[in-house]
Amino acid sequence: MATQILEESIGKTILIQLRGGKRLRGRLKGFDQHLNLVLEETEDVTDSENLKKLGLIIVRGDNVVMISPPPR
């Protein structure tokens, strides 16, 4: 179920929350069976008044608390 939603979200912008409270928004480029995520055009949106551009990043799946897919 979760992998199907992620497959449908490839190429679309998702929001993820990490351990420690950090929130990232980026376009999902790919993922693997451990839910490691590759995001491009990523921004750190933890502080909405101070967005940080991160570009292309890999997020380890064990750090991910929540993944919010784009609206259908």
N, C-alpha and C. Protein backbone atom coordinates (compact mmCIF):
# COMPACT_ATOMS: atom_id res chain seq x y z
N MET A 1 0.83 -1.20 0.00
CA MET A 1 0.00 0.00 0.00
C MET A 1 0.87 1.26 0.00
N ALA A 2 1.79 1.34 0.96
CA ALA A 2 2.63 2.55 1.05
C ALA A 2 3.50 2.71 -0.19
N THR A 3 4.04 1.60 -0.69
CA THR A 3 4.90 1.72 -1.88
C THR A 3 4.09 2.12 -3.10
N GLN A 4 2.83 1.70 -3.17
CA GLN A 4 1.98 2.10 -4.30
C GLN A 4 1.75 3.61 -4.27
N ILE A 5 1.50 4.17 -3.10
CA ILE A 5 1.30 5.62 -2.98
C ILE A 5 2.58 6.35 -3.35
N LEU A 6 3.73 5.83 -2.92
CA LEU A 6 5.01 6.46 -3.28
C LEU A 6 5.26 6.37 -4.78
N GLU A 7 4.95 5.23 -5.39
CA GLU A 7 5.13 5.10 -6.84
C GLU A 7 4.28 6.12 -7.59
N GLU A 8 3.06 6.35 -7.10
CA GLU A 8 2.19 7.33 -7.74
C GLU A 8 2.67 8.76 -7.51
N SER A 9 3.52 8.95 -6.48
CA SER A 9 4.01 10.29 -6.13
C SER A 9 5.33 10.64 -6.80
N ILE A 10 5.94 9.71 -7.54
CA ILE A 10 7.22 10.00 -8.20
C ILE A 10 7.00 11.14 -9.20
N GLY A 11 7.89 12.13 -9.11
CA GLY A 11 7.79 13.31 -9.98
C GLY A 11 6.92 14.40 -9.38
N LYS A 12 6.31 14.13 -8.23
CA LYS A 12 5.44 15.13 -7.59
C LYS A 12 6.06 15.58 -6.28
N THR A 13 5.61 16.72 -5.80
CA THR A 13 6.14 17.29 -4.56
C THR A 13 5.48 16.63 -3.36
N ILE A 14 6.32 16.17 -2.42
CA ILE A 14 5.83 15.58 -1.18
C ILE A 14 6.40 16.34 0.00
N LEU A 15 5.77 16.18 1.14
CA LEU A 15 6.24 16.77 2.40
C LEU A 15 6.59 15.63 3.32
N ILE A 16 7.79 15.67 3.90
CA ILE A 16 8.16 14.63 4.86
C ILE A 16 8.58 15.27 6.17
N GLN A 17 8.30 14.55 7.26
CA GLN A 17 8.74 14.98 8.58
C GLN A 17 9.75 13.98 9.08
N LEU A 18 10.86 14.49 9.63
CA LEU A 18 11.94 13.65 10.10
C LEU A 18 11.98 13.61 11.62
N ARG A 19 12.69 12.62 12.14
CA ARG A 19 12.93 12.59 13.59
C ARG A 19 13.58 13.90 13.99
N GLY A 20 13.21 14.42 15.12
CA GLY A 20 13.76 15.70 15.57
C GLY A 20 12.92 16.88 15.13
N GLY A 21 11.88 16.64 14.32
CA GLY A 21 10.95 17.70 13.96
C GLY A 21 11.22 18.43 12.65
N LYS A 22 12.33 18.12 11.99
CA LYS A 22 12.62 18.79 10.72
C LYS A 22 11.61 18.38 9.66
N ARG A 23 11.18 19.35 8.84
CA ARG A 23 10.24 19.07 7.75
C ARG A 23 10.87 19.48 6.43
N LEU A 24 10.77 18.59 5.44
CA LEU A 24 11.34 18.83 4.12
C LEU A 24 10.25 18.72 3.07
N ARG A 25 10.36 19.56 2.05
CA ARG A 25 9.44 19.49 0.90
C ARG A 25 10.30 19.38 -0.35
N GLY A 26 9.98 18.39 -1.20
CA GLY A 26 10.75 18.23 -2.42
C GLY A 26 10.04 17.30 -3.38
N ARG A 27 10.56 17.25 -4.60
CA ARG A 27 9.97 16.38 -5.62
C ARG A 27 10.60 15.00 -5.51
N LEU A 28 9.75 14.00 -5.35
CA LEU A 28 10.22 12.63 -5.17
C LEU A 28 10.79 12.09 -6.48
N LYS A 29 12.06 11.73 -6.43
CA LYS A 29 12.72 11.20 -7.63
C LYS A 29 12.76 9.67 -7.59
N GLY A 30 12.83 9.09 -6.38
CA GLY A 30 12.87 7.64 -6.25
C GLY A 30 12.92 7.21 -4.80
N PHE A 31 12.78 5.89 -4.60
CA PHE A 31 12.84 5.31 -3.26
C PHE A 31 13.19 3.83 -3.38
N ASP A 32 13.53 3.21 -2.25
CA ASP A 32 13.83 1.78 -2.25
C ASP A 32 13.01 1.06 -1.20
N GLN A 33 13.29 -0.24 -1.00
CA GLN A 33 12.48 -1.04 -0.08
C GLN A 33 12.63 -0.61 1.37
N HIS A 34 13.67 0.15 1.71
CA HIS A 34 13.86 0.65 3.07
C HIS A 34 13.22 2.01 3.27
N LEU A 35 12.53 2.49 2.25
CA LEU A 35 11.92 3.82 2.21
C LEU A 35 12.96 4.93 2.29
N ASN A 36 14.20 4.63 1.84
CA ASN A 36 15.15 5.71 1.61
C ASN A 36 14.58 6.50 0.44
N LEU A 37 14.62 7.82 0.54
CA LEU A 37 13.99 8.69 -0.46
C LEU A 37 15.04 9.53 -1.16
N VAL A 38 14.88 9.71 -2.46
CA VAL A 38 15.69 10.66 -3.22
C VAL A 38 14.75 11.81 -3.59
N LEU A 39 15.09 13.00 -3.12
CA LEU A 39 14.28 14.19 -3.37
C LEU A 39 15.11 15.21 -4.14
N GLU A 40 14.47 15.88 -5.10
CA GLU A 40 15.15 16.96 -5.81
C GLU A 40 14.39 18.26 -5.58
N GLU A 41 15.09 19.37 -5.80
CA GLU A 41 14.53 20.70 -5.53
C GLU A 41 13.97 20.77 -4.11
N THR A 42 14.72 20.20 -3.17
CA THR A 42 14.28 20.08 -1.78
C THR A 42 14.48 21.38 -1.02
N GLU A 43 13.51 21.67 -0.15
CA GLU A 43 13.60 22.82 0.75
C GLU A 43 13.34 22.35 2.17
N ASP A 44 14.08 22.92 3.12
CA ASP A 44 13.80 22.72 4.54
C ASP A 44 12.73 23.73 4.92
N VAL A 45 11.53 23.24 5.24
CA VAL A 45 10.40 24.13 5.55
C VAL A 45 10.06 24.09 7.04
N THR A 46 11.02 23.66 7.87
CA THR A 46 10.79 23.59 9.31
C THR A 46 10.40 24.96 9.86
N ASP A 47 11.14 25.99 9.45
CA ASP A 47 10.84 27.37 9.84
C ASP A 47 10.28 28.06 8.59
N SER A 48 8.96 28.29 8.58
CA SER A 48 8.30 28.82 7.38
C SER A 48 8.80 30.21 7.00
N GLU A 49 9.41 30.93 7.92
CA GLU A 49 9.92 32.27 7.61
C GLU A 49 11.36 32.23 7.10
N ASN A 50 11.99 31.07 7.20
CA ASN A 50 13.40 30.96 6.80
C ASN A 50 13.61 29.65 6.03
N LEU A 51 13.08 29.59 4.80
CA LEU A 51 13.22 28.39 3.98
C LEU A 51 14.66 28.23 3.52
N LYS A 52 15.16 27.00 3.56
CA LYS A 52 16.52 26.72 3.10
C LYS A 52 16.45 25.77 1.92
N LYS A 53 17.08 26.16 0.82
CA LYS A 53 17.12 25.31 -0.36
C LYS A 53 18.24 24.28 -0.19
N LEU A 54 17.89 23.00 -0.38
CA LEU A 54 18.86 21.92 -0.19
C LEU A 54 19.20 21.21 -1.50
N GLY A 55 18.36 21.37 -2.52
CA GLY A 55 18.64 20.74 -3.81
C GLY A 55 18.35 19.25 -3.80
N LEU A 56 19.25 18.47 -4.41
CA LEU A 56 19.09 17.01 -4.52
C LEU A 56 19.65 16.35 -3.26
N ILE A 57 18.81 15.57 -2.56
CA ILE A 57 19.25 14.92 -1.33
C ILE A 57 18.73 13.49 -1.26
N ILE A 58 19.37 12.70 -0.41
CA ILE A 58 18.89 11.35 -0.07
C ILE A 58 18.54 11.38 1.42
N VAL A 59 17.35 10.88 1.74
CA VAL A 59 16.89 10.82 3.13
C VAL A 59 16.81 9.35 3.52
N ARG A 60 17.50 8.98 4.60
CA ARG A 60 17.42 7.60 5.08
C ARG A 60 16.04 7.30 5.62
N GLY A 61 15.51 6.15 5.24
CA GLY A 61 14.16 5.78 5.62
C GLY A 61 13.93 5.69 7.11
N ASP A 62 14.97 5.32 7.89
CA ASP A 62 14.76 5.19 9.33
C ASP A 62 14.67 6.54 10.04
N ASN A 63 14.92 7.64 9.33
CA ASN A 63 14.75 8.97 9.91
C ASN A 63 13.38 9.57 9.60
N VAL A 64 12.62 8.93 8.73
CA VAL A 64 11.34 9.47 8.30
C VAL A 64 10.25 9.08 9.29
N VAL A 65 9.52 10.09 9.78
CA VAL A 65 8.40 9.86 10.69
C VAL A 65 7.08 9.84 9.92
N MET A 66 6.96 10.77 8.93
CA MET A 66 5.71 10.89 8.18
C MET A 66 6.02 11.32 6.75
N ILE A 67 5.24 10.79 5.80
CA ILE A 67 5.33 11.21 4.41
C ILE A 67 3.92 11.66 4.00
N SER A 68 3.82 12.89 3.53
CA SER A 68 2.53 13.40 3.05
C SER A 68 2.58 13.49 1.54
N PRO A 69 1.84 12.60 0.86
CA PRO A 69 1.83 12.63 -0.61
C PRO A 69 1.03 13.83 -1.12
N PRO A 70 1.16 14.15 -2.41
CA PRO A 70 0.39 15.26 -2.96
C PRO A 70 -1.10 14.89 -2.99
N PRO A 71 -1.96 15.90 -3.01
CA PRO A 71 -3.39 15.60 -3.12
C PRO A 71 -3.69 14.89 -4.44
N ARG A 72 -4.65 14.00 -4.42
CA ARG A 72 -4.97 13.22 -5.64
C ARG A 72 -5.81 14.02 -6.59
